[in-house]
PDB file of all heavy atoms in Angstrom:
ATOM      1  N   GLY A   1      -8.713  -4.228   5.413  1.00  0.00           N
ATOM      2  CA  GLY A   1      -9.239  -3.707   4.280  1.00  0.00           C
ATOM      3  C   GLY A   1      -8.431  -3.824   3.038  1.00  0.00           C
ATOM      4  O   GLY A   1      -8.880  -3.692   1.846  1.00  0.00           O
ATOM      5  N   GLY A   2      -7.145  -4.118   3.183  1.00  0.00           N
ATOM      6  CA  GLY A   2      -6.254  -4.186   2.114  1.00  0.00           C
ATOM      7  C   GLY A   2      -6.063  -3.001   1.296  1.00  0.00           C
ATOM      8  O   GLY A   2      -6.129  -1.876   1.803  1.00  0.00           O
ATOM      9  N   GLU A   3      -6.026  -3.138  -0.034  1.00  0.00           N
ATOM     10  CA  GLU A   3      -5.798  -1.980  -0.930  1.00  0.00           C
ATOM     11  C   GLU A   3      -6.983  -0.995  -0.846  1.00  0.00           C
ATOM     12  O   GLU A   3      -6.854   0.136  -1.074  1.00  0.00           O
ATOM     13  CB  GLU A   3      -5.553  -2.389  -2.402  1.00  0.00           C
ATOM     14  CG  GLU A   3      -4.265  -3.116  -2.633  1.00  0.00           C
ATOM     15  CD  GLU A   3      -3.946  -3.413  -4.099  1.00  0.00           C
ATOM     16  OE1 GLU A   3      -4.819  -2.974  -4.844  1.00  0.00           O
ATOM     17  OE2 GLU A   3      -2.938  -3.929  -4.360  1.00  0.00           O
ATOM     18  N   ALA A   4      -8.219  -1.560  -0.517  1.00  0.00           N
ATOM     19  CA  ALA A   4      -9.349  -0.786  -0.477  1.00  0.00           C
ATOM     20  C   ALA A   4      -9.292   0.346   0.633  1.00  0.00           C
ATOM     21  O   ALA A   4      -9.771   1.407   0.465  1.00  0.00           O
ATOM     22  CB  ALA A   4     -10.634  -1.628  -0.283  1.00  0.00           C
ATOM     23  N   PHE A   5      -8.576  -0.056   1.686  1.00  0.00           N
ATOM     24  CA  PHE A   5      -8.401   0.859   2.787  1.00  0.00           C
ATOM     25  C   PHE A   5      -7.623   2.098   2.291  1.00  0.00           C
ATOM     26  O   PHE A   5      -7.969   3.233   2.627  1.00  0.00           O
ATOM     27  CB  PHE A   5      -7.549   0.136   3.914  1.00  0.00           C
ATOM     28  CG  PHE A   5      -7.069   1.064   4.963  1.00  0.00           C
ATOM     29  CD1 PHE A   5      -7.982   1.452   6.056  1.00  0.00           C
ATOM     30  CD2 PHE A   5      -5.831   1.532   4.953  1.00  0.00           C
ATOM     31  CE1 PHE A   5      -7.415   2.442   6.984  1.00  0.00           C
ATOM     32  CE2 PHE A   5      -5.278   2.429   5.940  1.00  0.00           C
ATOM     33  CZ  PHE A   5      -6.137   2.795   6.956  1.00  0.00           C
ATOM     34  N   PHE A   6      -6.567   1.902   1.546  1.00  0.00           N
ATOM     35  CA  PHE A   6      -5.696   2.978   1.036  1.00  0.00           C
ATOM     36  C   PHE A   6      -6.453   3.674  -0.009  1.00  0.00           C
ATOM     37  O   PHE A   6      -6.327   4.909  -0.129  1.00  0.00           O
ATOM     38  CB  PHE A   6      -4.382   2.508   0.627  1.00  0.00           C
ATOM     39  CG  PHE A   6      -3.491   1.977   1.774  1.00  0.00           C
ATOM     40  CD1 PHE A   6      -3.316   0.566   2.016  1.00  0.00           C
ATOM     41  CD2 PHE A   6      -2.833   2.862   2.595  1.00  0.00           C
ATOM     42  CE1 PHE A   6      -2.518   0.162   3.056  1.00  0.00           C
ATOM     43  CE2 PHE A   6      -1.944   2.476   3.586  1.00  0.00           C
ATOM     44  CZ  PHE A   6      -1.900   1.062   3.812  1.00  0.00           C
ATOM     45  N   ALA A   7      -7.094   3.013  -0.904  1.00  0.00           N
ATOM     46  CA  ALA A   7      -7.841   3.554  -2.054  1.00  0.00           C
ATOM     47  C   ALA A   7      -8.916   4.558  -1.627  1.00  0.00           C
ATOM     48  O   ALA A   7      -8.998   5.637  -2.326  1.00  0.00           O
ATOM     49  CB  ALA A   7      -8.528   2.499  -2.802  1.00  0.00           C
ATOM     50  N   GLU A   8      -9.520   4.343  -0.492  1.00  0.00           N
ATOM     51  CA  GLU A   8     -10.511   5.329  -0.007  1.00  0.00           C
ATOM     52  C   GLU A   8      -9.851   6.582   0.444  1.00  0.00           C
ATOM     53  O   GLU A   8     -10.541   7.579   0.549  1.00  0.00           O
ATOM     54  CB  GLU A   8     -11.275   4.716   1.197  1.00  0.00           C
ATOM     55  CG  GLU A   8     -12.165   3.539   0.706  1.00  0.00           C
ATOM     56  CD  GLU A   8     -12.726   2.798   1.997  1.00  0.00           C
ATOM     57  OE1 GLU A   8     -12.516   3.357   3.178  1.00  0.00           O
ATOM     58  OE2 GLU A   8     -13.495   1.862   1.858  1.00  0.00           O
ATOM     59  N   ARG A   9      -8.506   6.552   0.733  1.00  0.00           N
ATOM     60  CA  ARG A   9      -7.815   7.722   1.408  1.00  0.00           C
ATOM     61  C   ARG A   9      -6.843   8.283   0.435  1.00  0.00           C
ATOM     62  O   ARG A   9      -6.382   9.392   0.625  1.00  0.00           O
ATOM     63  CB  ARG A   9      -7.138   7.329   2.708  1.00  0.00           C
ATOM     64  CG  ARG A   9      -8.191   6.889   3.695  1.00  0.00           C
ATOM     65  CD  ARG A   9      -7.464   6.013   4.820  1.00  0.00           C
ATOM     66  NE  ARG A   9      -8.437   5.698   5.846  1.00  0.00           N
ATOM     67  CZ  ARG A   9      -9.319   4.691   5.754  1.00  0.00           C
ATOM     68  NH1 ARG A   9      -9.449   3.983   4.618  1.00  0.00           N
ATOM     69  NH2 ARG A   9     -10.126   4.568   6.810  1.00  0.00           N
ATOM     70  N   LEU A  10      -6.585   7.673  -0.668  1.00  0.00           N
ATOM     71  CA  LEU A  10      -5.548   8.075  -1.664  1.00  0.00           C
ATOM     72  C   LEU A  10      -6.121   7.978  -3.008  1.00  0.00           C
ATOM     73  O   LEU A  10      -6.023   7.112  -3.746  1.00  0.00           O
ATOM     74  CB  LEU A  10      -4.311   7.127  -1.565  1.00  0.00           C
ATOM     75  CG  LEU A  10      -3.611   7.006  -0.232  1.00  0.00           C
ATOM     76  CD1 LEU A  10      -2.601   5.816  -0.407  1.00  0.00           C
ATOM     77  CD2 LEU A  10      -2.892   8.191   0.073  1.00  0.00           C
ATOM     78  N   ILE A  11      -6.745   9.104  -3.366  1.00  0.00           N
ATOM     79  CA  ILE A  11      -7.406   9.218  -4.683  1.00  0.00           C
ATOM     80  C   ILE A  11      -6.435   9.982  -5.613  1.00  0.00           C
ATOM     81  O   ILE A  11      -5.944  11.109  -5.202  1.00  0.00           O
ATOM     82  CB  ILE A  11      -8.852   9.948  -4.508  1.00  0.00           C
ATOM     83  CG1 ILE A  11      -9.710   9.190  -3.553  1.00  0.00           C
ATOM     84  CG2 ILE A  11      -9.437  10.059  -5.958  1.00  0.00           C
ATOM     85  CD1 ILE A  11      -9.986   7.697  -3.964  1.00  0.00           C
ATOM     86  N   TRP A  12      -6.325   9.569  -6.764  1.00  0.00           N
ATOM     87  CA  TRP A  12      -5.381  10.151  -7.759  1.00  0.00           C
ATOM     88  C   TRP A  12      -6.075  10.406  -9.071  1.00  0.00           C
ATOM     89  O   TRP A  12      -6.461   9.463  -9.672  1.00  0.00           O
ATOM     90  CB  TRP A  12      -4.180   9.238  -7.901  1.00  0.00           C
ATOM     91  CG  TRP A  12      -3.051   9.770  -8.685  1.00  0.00           C
ATOM     92  CD1 TRP A  12      -2.099  10.742  -8.209  1.00  0.00           C
ATOM     93  CD2 TRP A  12      -2.620   9.499 -10.061  1.00  0.00           C
ATOM     94  NE1 TRP A  12      -1.136  10.996  -9.128  1.00  0.00           N
ATOM     95  CE2 TRP A  12      -1.454  10.312 -10.327  1.00  0.00           C
ATOM     96  CE3 TRP A  12      -3.085   8.706 -11.019  1.00  0.00           C
ATOM     97  CZ2 TRP A  12      -0.818  10.275 -11.443  1.00  0.00           C
ATOM     98  CZ3 TRP A  12      -2.416   8.605 -12.224  1.00  0.00           C
ATOM     99  CH2 TRP A  12      -1.298   9.304 -12.467  1.00  0.00           C
ATOM    100  N   LYS A  13      -6.340  11.680  -9.380  1.00  0.00           N
ATOM    101  CA  LYS A  13      -6.978  12.058 -10.576  1.00  0.00           C
ATOM    102  C   LYS A  13      -8.379  11.355 -10.710  1.00  0.00           C
ATOM    103  O   LYS A  13      -8.767  10.859 -11.742  1.00  0.00           O
ATOM    104  CB  LYS A  13      -6.170  11.635 -11.817  1.00  0.00           C
ATOM    105  CG  LYS A  13      -4.816  12.353 -11.915  1.00  0.00           C
ATOM    106  CD  LYS A  13      -4.090  12.105 -13.154  1.00  0.00           C
ATOM    107  CE  LYS A  13      -2.799  12.901 -13.305  1.00  0.00           C
ATOM    108  NZ  LYS A  13      -1.977  12.679 -14.494  1.00  0.00           N
ATOM    109  N   GLY A  14      -9.078  11.334  -9.501  1.00  0.00           N
ATOM    110  CA  GLY A  14     -10.388  10.866  -9.498  1.00  0.00           C
ATOM    111  C   GLY A  14     -10.507   9.297  -9.496  1.00  0.00           C
ATOM    112  O   GLY A  14     -11.698   8.782  -9.656  1.00  0.00           O
ATOM    113  N   LYS A  15      -9.446   8.616  -9.331  1.00  0.00           N
ATOM    114  CA  LYS A  15      -9.551   7.092  -9.328  1.00  0.00           C
ATOM    115  C   LYS A  15      -8.542   6.492  -8.442  1.00  0.00           C
ATOM    116  O   LYS A  15      -7.756   7.294  -7.763  1.00  0.00           O
ATOM    117  CB  LYS A  15      -9.314   6.629 -10.835  1.00  0.00           C
ATOM    118  CG  LYS A  15      -8.010   6.967 -11.448  1.00  0.00           C
ATOM    119  CD  LYS A  15      -7.893   6.547 -12.928  1.00  0.00           C
ATOM    120  CE  LYS A  15      -6.722   6.953 -13.512  1.00  0.00           C
ATOM    121  NZ  LYS A  15      -6.622   6.623 -14.957  1.00  0.00           N
ATOM    122  N   ARG A  16      -8.495   5.138  -8.413  1.00  0.00           N
ATOM    123  CA  ARG A  16      -7.543   4.529  -7.563  1.00  0.00           C
ATOM    124  C   ARG A  16      -6.084   4.953  -7.850  1.00  0.00           C
ATOM    125  O   ARG A  16      -5.692   5.090  -8.982  1.00  0.00           O
ATOM    126  CB  ARG A  16      -7.642   3.036  -7.685  1.00  0.00           C
ATOM    127  CG  ARG A  16      -6.637   2.210  -6.891  1.00  0.00           C
ATOM    128  CD  ARG A  16      -6.650   0.830  -7.341  1.00  0.00           C
ATOM    129  NE  ARG A  16      -5.637   0.011  -6.600  1.00  0.00           N
ATOM    130  CZ  ARG A  16      -4.278   0.049  -6.919  1.00  0.00           C
ATOM    131  NH1 ARG A  16      -3.870   0.671  -7.897  1.00  0.00           N
ATOM    132  NH2 ARG A  16      -3.490  -0.698  -6.158  1.00  0.00           N
ATOM    133  N   ASP A  17      -5.350   5.108  -6.809  1.00  0.00           N
ATOM    134  CA  ASP A  17      -3.978   5.659  -6.997  1.00  0.00           C
ATOM    135  C   ASP A  17      -3.031   4.557  -7.495  1.00  0.00           C
ATOM    136  O   ASP A  17      -2.755   3.689  -6.712  1.00  0.00           O
ATOM    137  CB  ASP A  17      -3.400   6.246  -5.680  1.00  0.00           C
ATOM    138  CG  ASP A  17      -2.278   7.173  -5.881  1.00  0.00           C
ATOM    139  OD1 ASP A  17      -1.429   6.873  -6.808  1.00  0.00           O
ATOM    140  OD2 ASP A  17      -2.077   8.103  -5.114  1.00  0.00           O
ATOM    141  N   PRO A  18      -2.479   4.631  -8.706  1.00  0.00           N
ATOM    142  CA  PRO A  18      -1.708   3.488  -9.162  1.00  0.00           C
ATOM    143  C   PRO A  18      -0.172   3.577  -8.554  1.00  0.00           C
ATOM    144  O   PRO A  18       0.530   2.629  -8.758  1.00  0.00           O
ATOM    145  CB  PRO A  18      -1.613   3.801 -10.637  1.00  0.00           C
ATOM    146  CG  PRO A  18      -1.832   5.292 -10.846  1.00  0.00           C
ATOM    147  CD  PRO A  18      -2.757   5.639  -9.680  1.00  0.00           C
ATOM    148  N   ARG A  19       0.084   4.552  -7.743  1.00  0.00           N
ATOM    149  CA  ARG A  19       1.396   4.631  -7.238  1.00  0.00           C
ATOM    150  C   ARG A  19       1.443   3.801  -5.923  1.00  0.00           C
ATOM    151  O   ARG A  19       2.613   3.511  -5.356  1.00  0.00           O
ATOM    152  CB  ARG A  19       1.657   6.048  -6.764  1.00  0.00           C
ATOM    153  CG  ARG A  19       1.748   7.046  -7.901  1.00  0.00           C
ATOM    154  CD  ARG A  19       1.892   8.462  -7.613  1.00  0.00           C
ATOM    155  NE  ARG A  19       0.745   8.976  -6.772  1.00  0.00           N
ATOM    156  CZ  ARG A  19       0.656  10.212  -6.222  1.00  0.00           C
ATOM    157  NH1 ARG A  19       1.607  11.042  -6.383  1.00  0.00           N
ATOM    158  NH2 ARG A  19      -0.456  10.497  -5.627  1.00  0.00           N
ATOM    159  N   LEU A  20       0.265   3.261  -5.509  1.00  0.00           N
ATOM    160  CA  LEU A  20       0.269   2.480  -4.224  1.00  0.00           C
ATOM    161  C   LEU A  20       1.193   1.249  -4.199  1.00  0.00           C
ATOM    162  O   LEU A  20       1.945   1.051  -3.367  1.00  0.00           O
ATOM    163  CB  LEU A  20      -1.195   2.052  -3.921  1.00  0.00           C
ATOM    164  CG  LEU A  20      -1.405   1.249  -2.570  1.00  0.00           C
ATOM    165  CD1 LEU A  20      -0.817   2.019  -1.369  1.00  0.00           C
ATOM    166  CD2 LEU A  20      -2.847   0.886  -2.401  1.00  0.00           C
ATOM    167  N   ASP A  21       1.054   0.471  -5.240  1.00  0.00           N
ATOM    168  CA  ASP A  21       1.959  -0.864  -5.415  1.00  0.00           C
ATOM    169  C   ASP A  21       3.406  -0.403  -5.265  1.00  0.00           C
ATOM    170  O   ASP A  21       4.120  -1.226  -4.545  1.00  0.00           O
ATOM    171  CB  ASP A  21       1.557  -1.563  -6.678  1.00  0.00           C
ATOM    172  CG  ASP A  21       0.192  -2.215  -6.656  1.00  0.00           C
ATOM    173  OD1 ASP A  21      -0.351  -2.356  -5.570  1.00  0.00           O
ATOM    174  OD2 ASP A  21      -0.378  -2.432  -7.711  1.00  0.00           O
ATOM    175  N   THR A  22       3.832   0.545  -6.077  1.00  0.00           N
ATOM    176  CA  THR A  22       5.257   0.905  -6.041  1.00  0.00           C
ATOM    177  C   THR A  22       5.707   1.396  -4.649  1.00  0.00           C
ATOM    178  O   THR A  22       6.715   1.089  -4.206  1.00  0.00           O
ATOM    179  CB  THR A  22       5.447   2.064  -7.133  1.00  0.00           C
ATOM    180  OG1 THR A  22       5.173   1.529  -8.355  1.00  0.00           O
ATOM    181  CG2 THR A  22       6.870   2.395  -7.089  1.00  0.00           C
ATOM    182  N   ALA A  23       4.726   2.166  -4.084  1.00  0.00           N
ATOM    183  CA  ALA A  23       5.125   2.689  -2.734  1.00  0.00           C
ATOM    184  C   ALA A  23       5.297   1.679  -1.734  1.00  0.00           C
ATOM    185  O   ALA A  23       6.174   1.621  -0.922  1.00  0.00           O
ATOM    186  CB  ALA A  23       4.031   3.803  -2.331  1.00  0.00           C
ATOM    187  N   LEU A  24       4.347   0.701  -1.712  1.00  0.00           N
ATOM    188  CA  LEU A  24       4.397  -0.445  -0.762  1.00  0.00           C
ATOM    189  C   LEU A  24       5.701  -1.235  -1.009  1.00  0.00           C
ATOM    190  O   LEU A  24       6.291  -1.756  -0.114  1.00  0.00           O
ATOM    191  CB  LEU A  24       3.218  -1.314  -0.965  1.00  0.00           C
ATOM    192  CG  LEU A  24       1.852  -0.696  -0.346  1.00  0.00           C
ATOM    193  CD1 LEU A  24       0.638  -1.549  -0.625  1.00  0.00           C
ATOM    194  CD2 LEU A  24       1.966  -0.377   1.157  1.00  0.00           C
ATOM    195  N   SER A  25       6.080  -1.364  -2.303  1.00  0.00           N
ATOM    196  CA  SER A  25       7.202  -2.225  -2.649  1.00  0.00           C
ATOM    197  C   SER A  25       8.519  -1.351  -2.177  1.00  0.00           C
ATOM    198  O   SER A  25       9.365  -2.018  -1.562  1.00  0.00           O
ATOM    199  CB  SER A  25       7.271  -2.406  -4.200  1.00  0.00           C
ATOM    200  OG  SER A  25       8.462  -3.003  -4.506  1.00  0.00           O
ATOM    201  N   LEU A  26       8.535  -0.149  -2.383  1.00  0.00           N
ATOM    202  CA  LEU A  26       9.616   0.602  -1.853  1.00  0.00           C
ATOM    203  C   LEU A  26       9.808   0.584  -0.392  1.00  0.00           C
ATOM    204  O   LEU A  26      10.953   0.381   0.115  1.00  0.00           O
ATOM    205  CB  LEU A  26       9.418   2.119  -2.271  1.00  0.00           C
ATOM    206  CG  LEU A  26       9.798   2.413  -3.742  1.00  0.00           C
ATOM    207  CD1 LEU A  26       9.424   3.914  -4.121  1.00  0.00           C
ATOM    208  CD2 LEU A  26      11.355   2.234  -4.082  1.00  0.00           C
ATOM    209  N   LEU A  27       8.686   0.662   0.351  1.00  0.00           N
ATOM    210  CA  LEU A  27       8.750   0.650   1.814  1.00  0.00           C
ATOM    211  C   LEU A  27       9.269  -0.730   2.277  1.00  0.00           C
ATOM    212  O   LEU A  27      10.013  -0.768   3.222  1.00  0.00           O
ATOM    213  CB  LEU A  27       7.420   0.949   2.359  1.00  0.00           C
ATOM    214  CG  LEU A  27       6.893   2.384   2.192  1.00  0.00           C
ATOM    215  CD1 LEU A  27       5.411   2.481   2.609  1.00  0.00           C
ATOM    216  CD2 LEU A  27       7.760   3.441   2.813  1.00  0.00           C
ATOM    217  N   ASP A  28       8.908  -1.759   1.543  1.00  0.00           N
ATOM    218  CA  ASP A  28       9.418  -3.100   1.910  1.00  0.00           C
ATOM    219  C   ASP A  28      10.863  -3.272   1.630  1.00  0.00           C
ATOM    220  O   ASP A  28      11.625  -3.696   2.465  1.00  0.00           O
ATOM    221  CB  ASP A  28       8.550  -4.151   1.110  1.00  0.00           C
ATOM    222  CG  ASP A  28       9.146  -5.626   1.482  1.00  0.00           C
ATOM    223  OD1 ASP A  28       9.060  -6.002   2.493  1.00  0.00           O
ATOM    224  OD2 ASP A  28       9.580  -6.188   0.483  1.00  0.00           O
ATOM    225  N   ARG A  29      11.213  -2.744   0.413  1.00  0.00           N
ATOM    226  CA  ARG A  29      12.624  -2.947   0.068  1.00  0.00           C
ATOM    227  C   ARG A  29      13.565  -2.200   0.862  1.00  0.00           C
ATOM    228  O   ARG A  29      14.743  -2.591   1.119  1.00  0.00           O
ATOM    229  CB  ARG A  29      12.860  -2.465  -1.492  1.00  0.00           C
ATOM    230  CG  ARG A  29      12.310  -3.417  -2.519  1.00  0.00           C
ATOM    231  CD  ARG A  29      12.778  -2.894  -3.876  1.00  0.00           C
ATOM    232  NE  ARG A  29      12.430  -3.830  -4.929  1.00  0.00           N
ATOM    233  CZ  ARG A  29      12.896  -3.870  -6.234  1.00  0.00           C
ATOM    234  NH1 ARG A  29      13.801  -2.937  -6.493  1.00  0.00           N
ATOM    235  NH2 ARG A  29      12.565  -4.727  -7.086  1.00  0.00           N
ATOM    236  N   PHE A  30      13.115  -1.077   1.317  1.00  0.00           N
ATOM    237  CA  PHE A  30      14.043  -0.220   2.165  1.00  0.00           C
ATOM    238  C   PHE A  30      13.817  -0.482   3.619  1.00  0.00           C
ATOM    239  O   PHE A  30      14.408   0.220   4.539  1.00  0.00           O
ATOM    240  CB  PHE A  30      13.752   1.295   1.978  1.00  0.00           C
ATOM    241  CG  PHE A  30      14.360   1.911   0.588  1.00  0.00           C
ATOM    242  CD1 PHE A  30      13.766   1.622  -0.619  1.00  0.00           C
ATOM    243  CD2 PHE A  30      15.652   2.395   0.670  1.00  0.00           C
ATOM    244  CE1 PHE A  30      14.366   2.108  -1.687  1.00  0.00           C
ATOM    245  CE2 PHE A  30      16.225   2.872  -0.412  1.00  0.00           C
ATOM    246  CZ  PHE A  30      15.629   2.713  -1.633  1.00  0.00           C
ATOM    247  N   GLY A  31      13.158  -1.528   4.094  1.00  0.00           N
ATOM    248  CA  GLY A  31      13.126  -2.013   5.395  1.00  0.00           C
ATOM    249  C   GLY A  31      12.327  -1.137   6.361  1.00  0.00           C
ATOM    250  O   GLY A  31      12.383  -1.251   7.492  1.00  0.00           O
ATOM    251  N   VAL A  32      11.357  -0.396   5.773  1.00  0.00           N
ATOM    252  CA  VAL A  32      10.465   0.414   6.537  1.00  0.00           C
ATOM    253  C   VAL A  32       9.259  -0.400   7.040  1.00  0.00           C
ATOM    254  O   VAL A  32       8.703  -0.175   8.157  1.00  0.00           O
ATOM    255  CB  VAL A  32       9.894   1.552   5.726  1.00  0.00           C
ATOM    256  CG1 VAL A  32       8.968   2.546   6.498  1.00  0.00           C
ATOM    257  CG2 VAL A  32      11.070   2.442   5.163  1.00  0.00           C
ATOM    258  N   THR A  33       8.823  -1.379   6.249  1.00  0.00           N
ATOM    259  CA  THR A  33       7.718  -2.232   6.558  1.00  0.00           C
ATOM    260  C   THR A  33       8.159  -3.770   6.426  1.00  0.00           C
ATOM    261  O   THR A  33       9.227  -4.021   5.922  1.00  0.00           O
ATOM    262  CB  THR A  33       6.509  -2.073   5.710  1.00  0.00           C
ATOM    263  OG1 THR A  33       6.836  -2.339   4.322  1.00  0.00           O
ATOM    264  CG2 THR A  33       6.045  -0.565   5.783  1.00  0.00           C
ATOM    265  N   GLN A  34       7.315  -4.570   6.989  1.00  0.00           N
ATOM    266  CA  GLN A  34       7.492  -6.062   6.820  1.00  0.00           C
ATOM    267  C   GLN A  34       6.110  -6.601   6.769  1.00  0.00           C
ATOM    268  O   GLN A  34       5.024  -6.021   7.095  1.00  0.00           O
ATOM    269  CB  GLN A  34       8.194  -6.661   7.954  1.00  0.00           C
ATOM    270  CG  GLN A  34       7.456  -6.669   9.303  1.00  0.00           C
ATOM    271  CD  GLN A  34       8.194  -7.334  10.497  1.00  0.00           C
ATOM    272  OE1 GLN A  34       9.387  -7.762  10.273  1.00  0.00           O
ATOM    273  NE2 GLN A  34       7.598  -7.436  11.559  1.00  0.00           N
ATOM    274  N   GLY A  35       6.044  -7.897   6.251  1.00  0.00           N
ATOM    275  CA  GLY A  35       4.752  -8.521   5.902  1.00  0.00           C
ATOM    276  C   GLY A  35       4.197  -7.969   4.688  1.00  0.00           C
ATOM    277  O   GLY A  35       4.762  -7.369   3.875  1.00  0.00           O
ATOM    278  N   SER A  36       2.876  -8.292   4.449  1.00  0.00           N
ATOM    279  CA  SER A  36       2.098  -7.754   3.277  1.00  0.00           C
ATOM    280  C   SER A  36       0.657  -7.741   3.525  1.00  0.00           C
ATOM    281  O   SER A  36       0.076  -8.256   4.462  1.00  0.00           O
ATOM    282  CB  SER A  36       2.340  -8.812   2.070  1.00  0.00           C
ATOM    283  OG  SER A  36       1.679 -10.067   2.334  1.00  0.00           O
ATOM    284  N   LEU A  37       0.013  -6.865   2.681  1.00  0.00           N
ATOM    285  CA  LEU A  37      -1.462  -6.907   2.772  1.00  0.00           C
ATOM    286  C   LEU A  37      -2.185  -8.162   2.401  1.00  0.00           C
ATOM    287  O   LEU A  37      -3.156  -8.485   3.019  1.00  0.00           O
ATOM    288  CB  LEU A  37      -1.972  -5.669   1.832  1.00  0.00           C
ATOM    289  CG  LEU A  37      -1.661  -4.287   2.200  1.00  0.00           C
ATOM    290  CD1 LEU A  37      -2.071  -3.243   1.104  1.00  0.00           C
ATOM    291  CD2 LEU A  37      -2.197  -3.899   3.622  1.00  0.00           C
ATOM    292  N   GLU A  38      -1.532  -8.906   1.541  1.00  0.00           N
ATOM    293  CA  GLU A  38      -2.143 -10.114   0.990  1.00  0.00           C
ATOM    294  C   GLU A  38      -2.255 -11.166   2.211  1.00  0.00           C
ATOM    295  O   GLU A  38      -3.113 -11.877   2.370  1.00  0.00           O
ATOM    296  CB  GLU A  38      -1.309 -10.717  -0.188  1.00  0.00           C
ATOM    297  CG  GLU A  38      -1.507 -10.003  -1.406  1.00  0.00           C
ATOM    298  CD  GLU A  38      -0.793  -8.710  -1.440  1.00  0.00           C
ATOM    299  OE1 GLU A  38       0.190  -8.541  -0.679  1.00  0.00           O
ATOM    300  OE2 GLU A  38      -1.008  -7.849  -2.411  1.00  0.00           O
ATOM    301  N   THR A  39      -1.154 -11.117   3.000  1.00  0.00           N
ATOM    302  CA  THR A  39      -1.187 -12.021   4.167  1.00  0.00           C
ATOM    303  C   THR A  39      -1.750 -11.416   5.481  1.00  0.00           C
ATOM    304  O   THR A  39      -1.584 -12.032   6.578  1.00  0.00           O
ATOM    305  CB  THR A  39       0.243 -12.627   4.414  1.00  0.00           C
ATOM    306  OG1 THR A  39       1.132 -11.560   4.528  1.00  0.00           O
ATOM    307  CG2 THR A  39       0.665 -13.445   3.252  1.00  0.00           C
ATOM    308  N   HIS A  40      -2.185 -10.210   5.310  1.00  0.00           N
ATOM    309  CA  HIS A  40      -2.860  -9.471   6.433  1.00  0.00           C
ATOM    310  C   HIS A  40      -1.897  -9.267   7.673  1.00  0.00           C
ATOM    311  O   HIS A  40      -2.316  -9.169   8.846  1.00  0.00           O
ATOM    312  CB  HIS A  40      -4.007 -10.170   6.892  1.00  0.00           C
ATOM    313  CG  HIS A  40      -4.957 -10.513   5.794  1.00  0.00           C
ATOM    314  ND1 HIS A  40      -5.685  -9.581   5.050  1.00  0.00           N
ATOM    315  CD2 HIS A  40      -5.347 -11.700   5.325  1.00  0.00           C
ATOM    316  CE1 HIS A  40      -6.432 -10.213   4.166  1.00  0.00           C
ATOM    317  NE2 HIS A  40      -6.215 -11.544   4.257  1.00  0.00           N
ATOM    318  N   ASN A  41      -0.600  -9.065   7.383  1.00  0.00           N
ATOM    319  CA  ASN A  41       0.326  -8.817   8.454  1.00  0.00           C
ATOM    320  C   ASN A  41       1.410  -7.685   8.224  1.00  0.00           C
ATOM    321  O   ASN A  41       2.464  -7.682   8.735  1.00  0.00           O
ATOM    322  CB  ASN A  41       1.091 -10.054   8.835  1.00  0.00           C
ATOM    323  CG  ASN A  41       2.035 -10.488   7.691  1.00  0.00           C
ATOM    324  OD1 ASN A  41       1.794 -10.116   6.552  1.00  0.00           O
ATOM    325  ND2 ASN A  41       2.892 -11.448   7.892  1.00  0.00           N
ATOM    326  N   LEU A  42       0.966  -6.685   7.266  1.00  0.00           N
ATOM    327  CA  LEU A  42       1.844  -5.568   7.022  1.00  0.00           C
ATOM    328  C   LEU A  42       1.925  -4.657   8.186  1.00  0.00           C
ATOM    329  O   LEU A  42       0.962  -4.308   8.839  1.00  0.00           O
ATOM    330  CB  LEU A  42       1.232  -4.828   5.826  1.00  0.00           C
ATOM    331  CG  LEU A  42       2.123  -3.643   5.294  1.00  0.00           C
ATOM    332  CD1 LEU A  42       3.414  -4.267   4.688  1.00  0.00           C
ATOM    333  CD2 LEU A  42       1.317  -2.858   4.150  1.00  0.00           C
ATOM    334  N   SER A  43       3.224  -4.281   8.504  1.00  0.00           N
ATOM    335  CA  SER A  43       3.418  -3.488   9.677  1.00  0.00           C
ATOM    336  C   SER A  43       4.655  -2.565   9.477  1.00  0.00           C
ATOM    337  O   SER A  43       5.514  -2.893   8.620  1.00  0.00           O
ATOM    338  CB  SER A  43       3.622  -4.287  11.026  1.00  0.00           C
ATOM    339  OG  SER A  43       4.740  -5.078  10.869  1.00  0.00           O
ATOM    340  N   VAL A  44       4.699  -1.442  10.155  1.00  0.00           N
ATOM    341  CA  VAL A  44       5.744  -0.523  10.028  1.00  0.00           C
ATOM    342  C   VAL A  44       6.844  -0.814  11.138  1.00  0.00           C
ATOM    343  O   VAL A  44       6.466  -1.071  12.283  1.00  0.00           O
ATOM    344  CB  VAL A  44       5.325   0.961  10.400  1.00  0.00           C
ATOM    345  CG1 VAL A  44       6.457   1.978  10.318  1.00  0.00           C
ATOM    346  CG2 VAL A  44       4.313   1.349   9.342  1.00  0.00           C
TER     347      VAL A  44
END
């Protein structure tokens, strides 16, 4: 589902949550996740 999967569950002020990109980047930078939604292999 990509970003749409999270968007359905993370609503911010009645619209798509703009914090998602930053949060995914932080989780990657800090070694919590690997892969990406774009390549369909994001995992914890």
